[in-house]
Each structure stands twice: as C-alpha cells, then as structure tokens.
Amino acid sequence: MVSNVLKTVNIPGLGKKIQGKVRDIYVIDGKRFFITTDRQSAFDKIVGLIPFKGQVLTALSAFWFEKTKDIVTNHLISVPDPNVLLVKECKLIPIEMVVRGYITGVTDTSIWGSYEKGERIIYGLKFPEGLKKNQKLPEYVITPTTKADFGLHDERLTEKEILQKKTRLPDGQVVTPKLWKQMKKVSLALFARGQQICDKAGIILVDTKYEFGLDQKGKLVLIDEIHTPDSSRYWVKKTYLERFKKGLEPESYDKEELRIWFKEHGYKGEGKLPKMPAEFIAKMSALYMGIYEKITGKTFIPDMTKNVNQRIKRNLNVLK
C-alpha cells in the first residue's frame, strides 16, 4: 500500500506551483490544477501520509459540487485524474465560513474549548448556559476564521470585525455587507443540503467549512473542497444519542479520530511529533474510504497505480 502513497507532485512546465497543507496547486491560463496528495494535516502541521486519502477527497468534492450546484456556482471544471480537480481561477475571499450544528471540538478555534472555559460570547455570538459537549445547538451558527497560509493558525473573526472592513480581498476590495450577507445565506443553505443528504446515509454532518471566491464578473463562487472528512466532522447517527447521554464521544467518520490519537500520545501541536503506527494509518485510510461509500452509496475503488506521479503527468497531458 505504501508504494501508492502520493506525497507531492512536481510537473515542470505546468505553471506556477503553490504547495498547501494537503494540495499541490498549479496555476496556468486562468485555471488551477488541484492535486490532492495523501499528506495528512492536523494542528496546522503535516503529521503523516494516509494512502488513498487524496483520491477520496477528490471524489467526494466532485460529488458534493454536483449535489450543490443549484445553490451556488462552484469552481469545478473537470476531474482529469483520481487525485486532480481542474478548477476555475477565482479571487479568494480570505474568510473560512465555519458552520456548526453541534457544540464540540478539541482545537483552539472550537467553540466547545471556549465554552468549557466559561465563555458565553464566542465569535461574537451568545451561547446559552447548560450546554454539554457534543450537544446539538438550537440553530446553525457561523463562526468565521481568517484563511491562514500554510504553517500559520486560522484566527477567529466576528461579523462586526468583518463589516468594519478589516477583511480585504487580495486587490484591496473589502467584504461588503451585501457580500457577507450572501456568504452567510449560501453557507447555511449548503450546510442544510449536506445534513439532508448525510441524514439519509445514517450520518450526522456536525460542522464544516466553506471557502468562497469571486469570478471575473464578481459573482460568488464556492471554491476549495466541500464536505470532505478533512473539512467536516461526521458522526454515526445510529449511536449518537445513546453515547451522548452516557457522556461518551460519538463514533466518528472524520479526522477527529486522528486528532484524538495524537492528543492521547501527548501531542497537541508542539514538541516532538509521534509517528503513527502502520495499523493506525490503515485504519484512517479505511475510514476515509468508508465515509465516501456511506455518503455516495457507491463502492470506493481506489486507483492502484504504483507510480502515481507518472499517472498524474500522463493524465494531465504533460508527459513528452
């Protein structure tokens, strides 16, 4: 299985390369090749490699873009390779729209972390007394963060900060009240659609993040990925309520299990990084493939090509 792992891709002549946490991105002629690798990020760091993870994220994003295109235009053009999305170039809006249906989490930006410390005004939103970890919220909430570069932490934002013109696009344009209102409306609609589809699959879409850009005409476009196990938290619906009543953590279908594993091994983002054992890596790989099958109702058949780099180059028509 290790021989199939995609760590990075170098394709001379394809355009400018940008390396993110998980993706290698090439920019050329108003388009981008999103090459999703098997790099696993957590705590804003690369913590290892999970075989076939990149293929799962690519296939799931394509699935969700199709299922939500009636809500908002997205940037997907085609899927030329199991690890690659060809997308339209857009002007990034540097705000991550995090939508939450439950109060949970283990990271610094999670609302549960703040609530547990006694805070009741979080992200500028007022939360009621008496909430318990993993409890369903009375209504969806949007807790925006900055869109941080690789290696940096996302920072919390409030609606007030955004509308006071502290958040600007790359060309200096501010996020206007009209644009912000549209981003909120679309984010909530996307989350509702995600919960609806997941509910039929026996899954709870707990929270997720959306990223947006503007096309050449200034139209709002959904970019990046959508409803993947990296950008979303998924729980098993069947056992959620019983486990919640017992104070147990929900069964999950996302990378929360990975965060918990690292915390149990003494790592919270600083210090020496523990090495994931082969058994745990295989478990995480199966988890990623399993969530694809649950959501789509289709069997996930990974491409087993040993030389993934060569396959990608061939499929992108850049091999001479």
Protein backbone atom coordinates (compact mmCIF):
# COMPACT_ATOMS: atom_id res chain seq x y z
CA MET A 1 0.00 0.00 0.00
CA VAL A 2 2.86 2.41 0.81
CA SER A 3 4.01 2.46 -2.82
CA ASN A 4 0.68 4.04 -3.76
CA VAL A 5 1.06 6.98 -1.39
CA LEU A 6 1.22 10.40 -3.04
CA LYS A 7 3.47 12.75 -1.09
CA THR A 8 3.96 15.51 -3.66
CA VAL A 9 3.94 16.15 -7.40
CA ASN A 10 6.47 18.11 -9.43
CA ILE A 11 5.45 18.86 -13.02
CA PRO A 12 7.83 21.27 -14.79
CA GLY A 13 6.12 23.40 -17.40
CA LEU A 14 2.62 23.11 -15.96
CA GLY A 15 2.65 26.58 -14.43
CA LYS A 16 3.31 28.23 -11.08
CA LYS A 17 3.31 25.73 -8.20
CA ILE A 18 1.74 26.54 -4.84
CA GLN A 19 2.07 23.99 -2.06
CA GLY A 20 -0.58 23.94 0.63
CA LYS A 21 -1.13 21.63 3.56
CA VAL A 22 -2.61 18.84 1.51
CA ARG A 23 -2.62 20.06 -2.10
CA ASP A 24 -0.06 20.82 -4.74
CA ILE A 25 -1.63 23.54 -6.88
CA TYR A 26 -0.57 24.59 -10.36
CA VAL A 27 -1.84 27.86 -11.81
CA ILE A 28 -1.99 28.30 -15.59
CA ASP A 29 -4.15 30.29 -18.04
CA GLY A 30 -6.89 31.28 -15.60
CA LYS A 31 -7.23 27.75 -14.27
CA ARG A 32 -5.85 25.72 -11.40
CA PHE A 33 -4.94 22.06 -11.10
CA PHE A 34 -5.81 21.00 -7.54
CA ILE A 35 -3.67 17.91 -6.95
CA THR A 36 -4.79 16.41 -3.65
CA THR A 37 -1.97 14.40 -2.09
CA ASP A 38 -2.08 11.87 0.75
CA ARG A 39 -0.47 14.30 3.17
CA GLN A 40 -2.38 14.38 6.45
CA SER A 41 -2.65 17.69 8.25
CA ALA A 42 -3.65 18.32 11.85
CA PHE A 43 -2.81 21.12 14.30
CA ASP A 44 -1.79 23.17 11.20
CA LYS A 45 1.06 20.73 10.51
CA ILE A 46 1.71 17.73 8.28
CA VAL A 47 1.58 14.72 10.61
CA GLY A 48 2.00 11.87 8.10
CA LEU A 49 0.63 10.20 4.98
CA ILE A 50 -2.66 8.29 4.60
CA PRO A 51 -2.88 6.05 1.48
CA PHE A 52 -5.70 6.90 -0.98
CA LYS A 53 -6.86 9.84 1.11
CA GLY A 54 -6.24 12.21 -1.79
CA GLN A 55 -8.41 10.14 -4.10
CA VAL A 56 -11.24 10.11 -1.55
CA LEU A 57 -11.14 13.89 -1.05
CA THR A 58 -11.10 14.46 -4.81
CA ALA A 59 -14.04 12.11 -5.47
CA LEU A 60 -16.09 13.42 -2.54
CA SER A 61 -15.59 17.05 -3.53
CA ALA A 62 -16.71 16.27 -7.08
CA PHE A 63 -19.79 14.50 -5.66
CA TRP A 64 -20.74 17.41 -3.42
CA PHE A 65 -20.08 20.08 -6.05
CA GLU A 66 -22.59 18.29 -8.27
CA LYS A 67 -25.14 17.98 -5.44
CA THR A 68 -24.98 21.67 -4.50
CA LYS A 69 -24.51 23.49 -7.83
CA ASP A 70 -28.14 24.65 -7.73
CA ILE A 71 -27.37 26.58 -4.52
CA VAL A 72 -24.20 28.34 -5.67
CA THR A 73 -21.84 28.19 -8.64
CA ASN A 74 -18.63 26.28 -7.90
CA HIS A 75 -15.20 26.35 -9.47
CA LEU A 76 -15.04 22.74 -10.75
CA ILE A 77 -14.35 22.25 -14.46
CA SER A 78 -13.39 18.56 -14.63
CA VAL A 79 -11.71 15.62 -12.86
CA PRO A 80 -8.81 14.62 -15.16
CA ASP A 81 -7.22 12.21 -12.64
CA PRO A 82 -8.31 10.42 -9.42
CA ASN A 83 -6.21 12.92 -7.44
CA VAL A 84 -6.86 16.04 -9.52
CA LEU A 85 -9.57 18.66 -9.89
CA LEU A 86 -9.28 21.19 -12.72
CA VAL A 87 -10.93 24.38 -11.45
CA LYS A 88 -11.52 27.98 -12.46
CA GLU A 89 -9.21 30.64 -11.04
CA CYS A 90 -11.08 32.94 -8.65
CA LYS A 91 -10.23 35.88 -6.44
CA LEU A 92 -10.05 34.43 -2.94
CA ILE A 93 -12.22 35.82 -0.17
CA PRO A 94 -9.90 35.28 2.85
CA ILE A 95 -12.62 34.11 5.23
CA GLU A 96 -13.34 30.50 6.12
CA MET A 97 -17.07 30.09 6.73
CA VAL A 98 -17.28 27.51 9.51
CA VAL A 99 -20.86 26.31 10.05
CA ARG A 100 -21.67 24.33 13.18
CA GLY A 101 -24.73 22.33 14.15
CA TYR A 102 -23.31 20.97 17.41
CA ILE A 103 -21.02 22.27 20.15
CA THR A 104 -17.87 20.17 20.10
CA GLY A 105 -14.20 20.13 19.14
CA VAL A 106 -10.69 19.77 20.55
CA THR A 107 -8.82 22.61 18.82
CA ASP A 108 -8.22 26.19 19.97
CA THR A 109 -10.77 27.54 17.47
CA SER A 110 -13.51 25.12 18.58
CA ILE A 111 -16.49 26.62 20.35
CA TRP A 112 -16.51 23.86 22.98
CA GLY A 113 -12.98 24.75 24.09
CA SER A 114 -14.10 28.31 24.81
CA TYR A 115 -17.44 27.31 26.31
CA GLU A 116 -15.76 24.85 28.69
CA LYS A 117 -13.58 27.70 29.97
CA GLY A 118 -16.68 29.68 30.86
CA GLU A 119 -17.02 31.91 27.80
CA ARG A 120 -20.56 32.54 26.62
CA ILE A 121 -19.86 35.13 23.92
CA ILE A 122 -17.88 33.21 21.31
CA TYR A 123 -17.12 34.54 17.83
CA GLY A 124 -19.39 37.43 18.79
CA LEU A 125 -22.30 35.01 19.29
CA LYS A 126 -24.13 34.44 22.58
CA PHE A 127 -24.46 30.81 23.72
CA PRO A 128 -26.94 29.65 26.40
CA GLU A 129 -25.98 28.18 29.75
CA GLY A 130 -26.09 24.44 30.40
CA LEU A 131 -24.77 23.10 27.11
CA LYS A 132 -22.84 19.84 27.16
CA LYS A 133 -20.07 18.72 24.85
CA ASN A 134 -21.37 17.24 21.57
CA GLN A 135 -24.89 18.63 22.16
CA LYS A 136 -26.99 19.78 19.21
CA LEU A 137 -27.27 23.57 19.03
CA PRO A 138 -30.69 25.26 18.88
CA GLU A 139 -29.78 26.53 15.40
CA TYR A 140 -26.85 26.53 13.00
CA VAL A 141 -24.12 29.05 13.81
CA ILE A 142 -21.44 30.54 11.59
CA THR A 143 -18.06 31.02 13.29
CA PRO A 144 -15.78 32.57 10.65
CA THR A 145 -12.00 32.49 10.74
CA THR A 146 -9.23 34.04 8.71
CA LYS A 147 -7.85 31.99 5.83
CA ALA A 148 -4.32 31.38 7.09
CA ASP A 149 -1.31 30.42 4.99
CA PHE A 150 0.31 27.01 5.46
CA GLY A 151 2.05 26.78 8.84
CA LEU A 152 0.02 29.60 10.38
CA HIS A 153 -3.08 29.36 12.54
CA ASP A 154 -6.53 30.48 11.45
CA GLU A 155 -7.70 33.38 13.61
CA ARG A 156 -11.23 33.92 14.84
CA LEU A 157 -13.38 36.60 13.28
CA THR A 158 -16.67 38.18 14.28
CA GLU A 159 -19.29 39.64 11.99
CA LYS A 160 -18.56 43.05 13.45
CA GLU A 161 -14.86 42.78 12.59
CA ILE A 162 -15.64 41.67 9.05
CA LEU A 163 -18.10 44.53 8.46
CA GLN A 164 -15.73 47.09 9.97
CA LYS A 165 -13.69 46.49 6.82
CA LYS A 166 -10.83 44.65 8.49
CA THR A 167 -11.15 41.83 5.98
CA ARG A 168 -9.95 42.60 2.47
CA LEU A 169 -9.60 40.70 -0.77
CA PRO A 170 -6.18 40.38 -2.46
CA ASP A 171 -6.82 43.51 -4.56
CA GLY A 172 -7.75 45.57 -1.51
CA GLN A 173 -11.51 45.34 -2.03
CA VAL A 174 -13.40 44.98 1.23
CA VAL A 175 -16.00 42.38 2.07
CA THR A 176 -19.17 44.47 1.82
CA PRO A 177 -22.30 43.90 3.94
CA LYS A 178 -24.07 42.68 0.78
CA LEU A 179 -21.36 40.13 0.01
CA TRP A 180 -21.19 38.99 3.64
CA LYS A 181 -24.96 38.50 3.74
CA GLN A 182 -24.78 36.37 0.59
CA MET A 183 -21.91 34.29 2.00
CA LYS A 184 -23.91 33.60 5.15
CA LYS A 185 -27.07 32.68 3.27
CA VAL A 186 -25.25 30.35 0.89
CA SER A 187 -23.22 28.72 3.69
CA LEU A 188 -26.36 27.90 5.69
CA ALA A 189 -28.08 26.52 2.58
CA LEU A 190 -25.08 24.33 1.75
CA PHE A 191 -24.96 23.02 5.31
CA ALA A 192 -28.68 22.23 5.28
CA ARG A 193 -28.26 20.32 2.00
CA GLY A 194 -25.28 18.45 3.43
CA GLN A 195 -27.18 17.47 6.57
CA GLN A 196 -30.14 16.31 4.49
CA ILE A 197 -28.07 14.01 2.27
CA CYS A 198 -25.98 12.72 5.17
CA ASP A 199 -29.05 12.01 7.28
CA LYS A 200 -30.34 9.62 4.61
CA ALA A 201 -26.97 7.86 4.76
CA GLY A 202 -27.17 7.42 8.54
CA ILE A 203 -24.59 10.14 9.20
CA ILE A 204 -24.68 13.44 11.07
CA LEU A 205 -22.88 16.35 9.40
CA VAL A 206 -21.75 18.05 12.61
CA ASP A 207 -19.81 21.02 11.25
CA THR A 208 -17.84 22.02 8.19
CA LYS A 209 -16.10 24.91 6.48
CA TYR A 210 -16.72 26.61 3.15
CA GLU A 211 -14.43 28.84 1.14
CA PHE A 212 -15.53 31.31 -1.48
CA GLY A 213 -14.07 33.42 -4.23
CA LEU A 214 -15.25 35.87 -6.86
CA ASP A 215 -15.09 35.15 -10.58
CA GLN A 216 -14.11 37.72 -13.21
CA LYS A 217 -17.63 39.15 -13.18
CA GLY A 218 -17.65 39.49 -9.38
CA LYS A 219 -20.02 36.55 -8.90
CA LEU A 220 -19.75 34.47 -5.72
CA VAL A 221 -18.20 31.04 -6.34
CA LEU A 222 -17.74 28.06 -3.98
CA ILE A 223 -14.08 27.01 -4.10
CA ASP A 224 -11.60 24.66 -2.44
CA GLU A 225 -13.34 21.45 -1.27
CA ILE A 226 -16.74 20.68 0.23
CA HIS A 227 -17.99 18.26 2.87
CA THR A 228 -14.86 16.08 2.99
CA PRO A 229 -13.58 14.30 6.13
CA ASP A 230 -10.82 16.94 6.26
CA SER A 231 -13.12 19.95 6.18
CA SER A 232 -16.05 18.42 8.06
CA ARG A 233 -16.89 16.48 11.17
CA TYR A 234 -19.11 13.40 10.71
CA TRP A 235 -20.77 11.27 13.38
CA VAL A 236 -22.62 7.96 13.24
CA LYS A 237 -26.31 8.82 13.58
CA LYS A 238 -27.44 5.44 14.94
CA THR A 239 -25.31 5.56 18.10
CA TYR A 240 -25.04 9.31 18.66
CA LEU A 241 -27.89 9.86 21.12
CA GLU A 242 -27.10 6.86 23.33
CA ARG A 243 -23.41 7.77 23.53
CA PHE A 244 -24.22 11.43 24.20
CA LYS A 245 -26.47 10.50 27.12
CA LYS A 246 -23.66 8.36 28.57
CA GLY A 247 -21.12 11.16 28.14
CA LEU A 248 -19.17 9.17 25.56
CA GLU A 249 -17.55 10.63 22.45
CA PRO A 250 -19.61 9.99 19.29
CA GLU A 251 -18.44 7.44 16.76
CA SER A 252 -16.83 9.50 14.03
CA TYR A 253 -16.13 9.30 10.30
CA ASP A 254 -13.56 12.09 10.06
CA LYS A 255 -10.06 13.12 11.09
CA GLU A 256 -11.18 13.92 14.64
CA GLU A 257 -10.09 10.38 15.48
CA LEU A 258 -6.62 11.33 14.29
CA ARG A 259 -6.53 14.48 16.45
CA ILE A 260 -7.63 12.44 19.45
CA TRP A 261 -4.92 9.81 18.77
CA PHE A 262 -2.20 12.47 18.77
CA LYS A 263 -3.53 14.08 21.95
CA GLU A 264 -3.61 10.68 23.65
CA HIS A 265 0.06 10.32 22.70
CA GLY A 266 0.96 13.66 24.26
CA TYR A 267 0.95 15.83 21.15
CA LYS A 268 -1.16 19.00 20.90
CA GLY A 269 0.71 20.80 18.14
CA GLU A 270 4.03 21.46 19.87
CA GLY A 271 7.04 19.32 20.66
CA LYS A 272 8.10 16.04 19.09
CA LEU A 273 5.62 14.57 16.61
CA PRO A 274 4.65 10.94 17.42
CA LYS A 275 4.90 8.55 14.48
CA MET A 276 1.63 6.90 13.51
CA PRO A 277 1.90 3.08 13.51
CA ALA A 278 1.04 1.15 10.34
CA GLU A 279 -2.13 -0.26 11.90
CA PHE A 280 -3.48 3.19 12.71
CA ILE A 281 -2.59 4.51 9.24
CA ALA A 282 -4.50 1.59 7.68
CA LYS A 283 -7.45 2.35 9.98
CA MET A 284 -7.51 6.00 8.90
CA SER A 285 -7.28 5.02 5.23
CA ALA A 286 -10.26 2.69 5.66
CA LEU A 287 -12.14 5.45 7.49
CA TYR A 288 -11.70 7.85 4.56
CA MET A 289 -12.84 5.27 2.02
CA GLY A 290 -15.75 4.27 4.27
CA ILE A 291 -17.18 7.78 4.54
CA TYR A 292 -17.15 8.08 0.74
CA GLU A 293 -19.17 4.88 0.46
CA LYS A 294 -21.60 5.91 3.20
CA ILE A 295 -22.37 9.28 1.65
CA THR A 296 -22.45 8.37 -2.03
CA GLY A 297 -23.82 4.83 -1.74
CA LYS A 298 -21.11 3.71 -4.16
CA THR A 299 -18.18 1.33 -3.64
CA PHE A 300 -14.88 3.17 -3.49
CA ILE A 301 -12.43 1.55 -5.90
CA PRO A 302 -9.00 3.16 -5.49
CA ASP A 303 -6.67 3.53 -8.43
CA MET A 304 -3.80 1.20 -7.54
CA THR A 305 -1.24 2.62 -9.97
CA LYS A 306 2.14 2.29 -8.26
CA ASN A 307 3.74 5.33 -9.91
CA VAL A 308 1.11 7.91 -9.06
CA ASN A 309 3.28 10.83 -10.18
CA GLN A 310 3.65 9.36 -13.66
CA ARG A 311 -0.07 8.64 -13.90
CA ILE A 312 -0.94 12.23 -12.99
CA LYS A 313 1.53 13.64 -15.52
CA ARG A 314 0.11 11.38 -18.20
CA ASN A 315 -3.48 12.30 -17.40
CA LEU A 316 -2.66 15.99 -17.43
CA ASN A 317 -1.07 15.59 -20.86
CA VAL A 318 2.29 16.99 -19.87
CA LEU A 319 4.49 13.94 -20.49
CA LYS A 320 6.61 14.40 -23.59
